[in-house]
Amino acid sequence: MSFAQTLEKALDIVEMLAKSNSYLSTKDIAQTLDMPPSTANRFLNTLYSRGYLNKLEGSKKYGLSAKWLSLCAGLISQTDVLKNAFPILSRVRDQIKEAVYLDVVDNNERLCVLSLPGLNPVSATVNVGHRSPLWVSASARVLLAGFDDFKLDNYMDKLEPRIFATNSFMDKESLKKEVLLTRRFGVTLSCNEYHGQRASVAASVRDYTGQTVASLAVAFPDNKLAKDLVDKYYKTVGYAALELSRSLGFFNDQDPPFRLHCPAYVRERIL
């Protein structure tokens, strides 16, 4: 096996563990990646000995360790969006007590790059590193709305919607309409699109060119969904996203700078 092949297989294992929500056994990894168990075991032992993996006590199941976070620290400190976002998200989280997070587009997926847990006894959870489709939830729709018309049409042509929760969009024409309205308004709301029993409000973060580079969002239990709360959250999230955008050089003299787009399926519930 060449060095390149060895490196590729090791990275396959790391990526598989990163996408998993639980610890995985050597057998699971070997079968999924179509490699001999002895080979998988060798890679896992090496990664474990270097501190990149944790092992469940009394088992041969592995998961990523916190060492990966230390490797990310240098990247985070050099990335303006994340560096500028942390104090803003911290202030928003402390103000509304709900989970707040920042998503970006990566390989036509939504990727969570920063997340702060809610302070309420019952709060939604959003994990850093979590990937999800670009067409389900408020945050995803904000990112998709940042595509230009050609890129959006190309994405929609290839899209094969599926059901994640009760309000997942299955009709592409309706979904595109929602995306275009999100682009126009700048802030949008979702409820039970990707996760059941969860609502979210998200706003576009733009750079100095006006391009959407991230979405800033708050997630909360759907039983809290009410007009007064939505009004509070969308303004808080909208102005926080605008503050972050301005720190990246974005300028907009529009008054008001954003409005809330509320999809039809949830509009009657809060009006």
Protein backbone atom coordinates (compact mmCIF):
# COMPACT_ATOMS: atom_id res chain seq x y z
CA MET A 1 0.00 0.00 0.00
CA SER A 2 1.45 3.38 -1.01
CA PHE A 3 1.76 6.31 1.37
CA ALA A 4 -1.07 8.11 -0.45
CA GLN A 5 -3.35 5.08 -0.12
CA THR A 6 -2.49 4.72 3.57
CA LEU A 7 -3.26 8.38 4.20
CA GLU A 8 -6.51 8.15 2.27
CA LYS A 9 -7.72 5.16 4.31
CA ALA A 10 -6.83 6.86 7.58
CA LEU A 11 -8.75 9.95 6.52
CA ASP A 12 -11.72 7.78 5.52
CA ILE A 13 -11.84 6.46 9.07
CA VAL A 14 -11.58 9.95 10.59
CA GLU A 15 -14.36 11.29 8.35
CA MET A 16 -16.59 8.33 9.15
CA LEU A 17 -16.14 8.85 12.89
CA ALA A 18 -16.74 12.59 12.49
CA LYS A 19 -20.11 11.98 10.83
CA SER A 20 -21.21 9.41 13.41
CA ASN A 21 -23.23 10.38 16.47
CA SER A 22 -21.91 7.39 18.44
CA TYR A 23 -18.79 5.33 18.97
CA LEU A 24 -18.09 2.75 16.27
CA SER A 25 -16.53 -0.70 16.46
CA THR A 26 -13.63 -1.92 14.37
CA LYS A 27 -16.03 -4.31 12.64
CA ASP A 28 -18.48 -1.52 11.73
CA ILE A 29 -15.70 0.63 10.30
CA ALA A 30 -14.10 -2.23 8.36
CA GLN A 31 -17.39 -3.31 6.80
CA THR A 32 -18.51 0.21 5.88
CA LEU A 33 -15.16 1.18 4.35
CA ASP A 34 -14.62 -2.24 2.75
CA MET A 35 -11.23 -2.89 4.33
CA PRO A 36 -9.87 -5.91 6.22
CA PRO A 37 -10.56 -5.75 9.98
CA SER A 38 -6.82 -6.08 10.65
CA THR A 39 -6.15 -2.99 8.53
CA ALA A 40 -8.88 -0.98 10.24
CA ASN A 41 -7.59 -2.09 13.63
CA ARG A 42 -4.06 -0.97 12.75
CA PHE A 43 -5.24 2.50 11.74
CA LEU A 44 -7.46 2.83 14.81
CA ASN A 45 -4.69 1.79 17.18
CA THR A 46 -2.33 4.34 15.64
CA LEU A 47 -4.87 7.17 15.84
CA TYR A 48 -5.72 6.16 19.40
CA SER A 49 -2.09 6.03 20.50
CA ARG A 50 -1.55 9.55 19.09
CA GLY A 51 -4.52 10.86 21.07
CA TYR A 52 -6.85 11.50 18.14
CA LEU A 53 -9.42 8.91 19.24
CA ASN A 54 -11.18 7.96 22.45
CA LYS A 55 -12.08 4.37 23.25
CA LEU A 56 -15.09 3.27 25.26
CA GLU A 57 -13.90 1.55 28.42
CA GLY A 58 -14.15 -2.22 28.17
CA SER A 59 -14.86 -2.20 24.43
CA LYS A 60 -13.22 -1.77 21.06
CA LYS A 61 -15.45 1.13 20.02
CA TYR A 62 -13.84 4.40 19.01
CA GLY A 63 -14.80 8.05 18.63
CA LEU A 64 -12.96 11.27 17.90
CA SER A 65 -11.15 12.92 20.81
CA ALA A 66 -10.98 16.58 21.80
CA LYS A 67 -7.50 16.78 20.26
CA TRP A 68 -9.15 17.68 16.96
CA LEU A 69 -10.49 20.86 18.58
CA SER A 70 -6.95 21.98 19.39
CA LEU A 71 -6.03 21.53 15.73
CA CYS A 72 -9.00 23.66 14.76
CA ALA A 73 -8.02 26.45 17.14
CA GLY A 74 -5.45 27.89 14.77
CA LEU A 75 -7.91 27.87 11.89
CA ILE A 76 -10.61 29.50 13.98
CA SER A 77 -8.30 32.27 15.16
CA GLN A 78 -7.42 33.08 11.55
CA THR A 79 -10.98 33.10 10.24
CA ASP A 80 -12.62 36.51 10.49
CA VAL A 81 -16.15 35.16 10.46
CA LEU A 82 -15.61 32.85 13.42
CA LYS A 83 -13.35 35.25 15.31
CA ASN A 84 -15.86 38.08 15.02
CA ALA A 85 -18.87 35.82 15.56
CA PHE A 86 -18.02 34.37 18.95
CA PRO A 87 -18.64 37.48 21.11
CA ILE A 88 -21.77 38.32 19.12
CA LEU A 89 -23.23 34.82 19.47
CA SER A 90 -22.30 34.80 23.16
CA ARG A 91 -24.23 38.00 23.73
CA VAL A 92 -27.27 36.70 21.82
CA ARG A 93 -27.24 33.40 23.71
CA ASP A 94 -27.01 35.18 27.07
CA GLN A 95 -29.86 37.49 26.08
CA ILE A 96 -32.39 34.94 24.83
CA LYS A 97 -31.12 31.84 26.68
CA GLU A 98 -31.54 29.60 23.61
CA ALA A 99 -29.00 27.71 21.50
CA VAL A 100 -27.34 29.93 18.89
CA TYR A 101 -25.12 28.75 16.08
CA LEU A 102 -23.35 29.68 12.87
CA ASP A 103 -23.58 27.61 9.68
CA VAL A 104 -21.66 27.81 6.40
CA VAL A 105 -21.88 26.04 3.05
CA ASP A 106 -19.37 23.25 2.57
CA ASN A 107 -19.54 20.96 -0.45
CA ASN A 108 -23.21 21.85 -1.01
CA GLU A 109 -24.06 20.94 2.57
CA ARG A 110 -24.85 22.98 5.64
CA LEU A 111 -21.99 22.75 8.16
CA CYS A 112 -22.19 24.04 11.73
CA VAL A 113 -18.91 25.80 12.59
CA LEU A 114 -19.82 27.50 15.87
CA SER A 115 -22.49 26.67 18.43
CA LEU A 116 -23.35 27.81 21.95
CA PRO A 117 -25.82 25.73 23.99
CA GLY A 118 -29.01 27.22 25.38
CA LEU A 119 -29.24 28.19 29.05
CA ASN A 120 -32.85 27.17 29.55
CA PRO A 121 -33.61 23.85 31.29
CA VAL A 122 -35.06 22.55 28.02
CA SER A 123 -33.08 23.75 24.99
CA ALA A 124 -32.35 22.62 21.46
CA THR A 125 -28.89 21.21 20.74
CA VAL A 126 -26.79 21.99 17.67
CA ASN A 127 -23.42 20.26 17.38
CA VAL A 128 -20.32 21.81 15.82
CA GLY A 129 -19.33 19.78 12.78
CA HIS A 130 -22.86 18.59 12.08
CA ARG A 131 -23.74 18.44 8.38
CA SER A 132 -27.20 18.57 6.87
CA PRO A 133 -28.89 19.33 3.53
CA LEU A 134 -29.20 22.91 2.31
CA TRP A 135 -32.95 22.80 1.81
CA VAL A 136 -34.32 21.94 5.27
CA SER A 137 -34.57 24.47 8.14
CA ALA A 138 -34.30 28.24 8.33
CA SER A 139 -30.50 28.29 8.48
CA ALA A 140 -30.16 26.05 5.43
CA ARG A 141 -32.63 28.15 3.48
CA VAL A 142 -30.65 31.32 4.27
CA LEU A 143 -27.50 29.71 2.88
CA LEU A 144 -29.29 28.43 -0.21
CA ALA A 145 -30.74 31.90 -0.77
CA GLY A 146 -27.17 33.16 -1.01
CA PHE A 147 -26.60 31.19 -4.22
CA ASP A 148 -26.81 33.17 -7.46
CA ASP A 149 -29.65 32.28 -9.83
CA PHE A 150 -27.56 29.93 -11.98
CA LYS A 151 -26.14 28.04 -9.01
CA LEU A 152 -29.54 27.88 -7.33
CA ASP A 153 -31.21 26.47 -10.45
CA ASN A 154 -28.46 23.90 -10.84
CA TYR A 155 -28.83 22.85 -7.20
CA MET A 156 -32.61 22.61 -7.47
CA ASP A 157 -32.43 20.55 -10.66
CA LYS A 158 -30.33 17.90 -8.90
CA LEU A 159 -32.26 18.01 -5.62
CA GLU A 160 -34.15 14.91 -4.51
CA PRO A 161 -36.19 15.97 -1.47
CA ARG A 162 -37.00 13.52 1.30
CA ILE A 163 -38.90 13.71 4.55
CA PHE A 164 -36.95 14.53 7.72
CA ALA A 165 -39.81 15.91 9.83
CA THR A 166 -43.48 16.84 9.45
CA ASN A 167 -42.84 20.11 7.58
CA SER A 168 -40.01 19.08 5.25
CA PHE A 169 -40.56 20.56 1.81
CA MET A 170 -41.20 17.88 -0.79
CA ASP A 171 -42.27 20.13 -3.66
CA LYS A 172 -39.27 21.79 -5.33
CA GLU A 173 -41.30 24.63 -6.80
CA SER A 174 -42.65 25.59 -3.37
CA LEU A 175 -39.21 25.28 -1.85
CA LYS A 176 -37.65 27.57 -4.45
CA LYS A 177 -40.34 30.16 -3.79
CA GLU A 178 -39.47 30.05 -0.09
CA VAL A 179 -35.76 30.40 -0.89
CA LEU A 180 -36.34 33.46 -3.07
CA LEU A 181 -38.49 35.07 -0.38
CA THR A 182 -35.76 34.35 2.16
CA ARG A 183 -33.26 36.06 -0.14
CA ARG A 184 -35.54 39.09 -0.34
CA PHE A 185 -36.32 39.39 3.39
CA GLY A 186 -32.98 38.33 4.92
CA VAL A 187 -34.44 36.51 7.95
CA THR A 188 -36.61 33.39 7.93
CA LEU A 189 -38.38 31.00 10.27
CA SER A 190 -38.79 27.21 10.25
CA CYS A 191 -40.58 24.69 12.42
CA ASN A 192 -40.21 20.91 12.30
CA GLU A 193 -38.50 20.85 8.92
CA TYR A 194 -35.29 19.00 9.78
CA HIS A 195 -35.74 18.11 13.45
CA GLY A 196 -39.06 17.27 15.02
CA GLN A 197 -40.25 19.50 17.88
CA ARG A 198 -37.77 22.22 16.95
CA ALA A 199 -38.16 25.70 15.53
CA SER A 200 -35.46 28.08 14.38
CA VAL A 201 -34.94 31.62 13.15
CA ALA A 202 -31.97 32.42 10.91
CA ALA A 203 -30.46 35.49 9.26
CA SER A 204 -27.92 36.02 6.51
CA VAL A 205 -24.34 37.03 7.31
CA ARG A 206 -22.71 38.89 4.41
CA ASP A 207 -19.20 40.01 3.57
CA TYR A 208 -17.98 43.28 2.03
CA THR A 209 -19.15 42.16 -1.43
CA GLY A 210 -22.70 41.50 -0.19
CA GLN A 211 -22.26 37.75 -0.61
CA THR A 212 -23.83 35.47 2.00
CA VAL A 213 -20.97 33.73 3.83
CA ALA A 214 -22.85 32.23 6.79
CA SER A 215 -26.19 32.04 8.54
CA LEU A 216 -26.66 33.01 12.16
CA ALA A 217 -29.49 31.15 13.84
CA VAL A 218 -31.29 30.41 17.08
CA ALA A 219 -32.96 27.05 17.75
CA PHE A 220 -35.65 26.45 20.33
CA PRO A 221 -38.39 23.92 21.22
CA ASP A 222 -41.39 24.27 18.93
CA ASN A 223 -43.83 24.48 21.86
CA LYS A 224 -42.49 27.98 22.51
CA LEU A 225 -43.50 29.16 19.06
CA ALA A 226 -45.63 32.30 19.46
CA LYS A 227 -45.83 35.70 17.79
CA ASP A 228 -44.23 37.73 20.60
CA LEU A 229 -41.33 35.30 20.91
CA VAL A 230 -40.79 35.11 17.13
CA ASP A 231 -40.79 38.93 16.93
CA LYS A 232 -38.15 39.08 19.66
CA TYR A 233 -35.98 36.34 18.20
CA TYR A 234 -36.01 37.51 14.60
CA LYS A 235 -35.01 41.05 15.56
CA THR A 236 -32.30 39.83 17.91
CA VAL A 237 -30.89 37.39 15.35
CA GLY A 238 -31.30 39.84 12.46
CA TYR A 239 -29.40 42.66 14.15
CA ALA A 240 -26.72 40.27 15.39
CA ALA A 241 -26.20 38.98 11.83
CA LEU A 242 -26.09 42.57 10.59
CA GLU A 243 -23.47 43.45 13.22
CA LEU A 244 -21.36 40.48 12.18
CA SER A 245 -21.80 41.40 8.51
CA ARG A 246 -20.63 44.96 9.16
CA SER A 247 -17.55 43.63 10.95
CA LEU A 248 -16.76 41.89 7.64
CA GLY A 249 -17.10 45.14 5.69
CA PHE A 250 -20.73 44.84 4.60
CA PHE A 251 -22.66 48.09 4.17
CA ASN A 252 -26.39 48.44 3.70
CA ASP A 253 -28.38 51.64 4.11
CA GLN A 254 -31.71 49.90 3.53
CA ASP A 255 -34.36 50.79 6.11
CA PRO A 256 -35.34 48.46 7.64
CA PRO A 257 -32.20 46.38 6.97
CA PHE A 258 -34.16 43.10 7.06
CA ARG A 259 -37.64 41.66 7.51
CA LEU A 260 -38.95 38.29 8.61
CA HIS A 261 -40.14 35.81 6.04
CA CYS A 262 -42.59 33.40 7.62
CA PRO A 263 -43.43 30.29 5.54
CA ALA A 264 -47.14 29.72 4.98
CA TYR A 265 -47.21 26.42 6.86
CA VAL A 266 -46.30 28.15 10.14
CA ARG A 267 -47.83 31.60 9.55
CA GLU A 268 -51.29 30.70 10.85
CA ARG A 269 -49.78 29.23 13.98
CA ILE A 270 -48.19 32.47 15.15
CA LEU A 271 -50.66 35.06 13.85
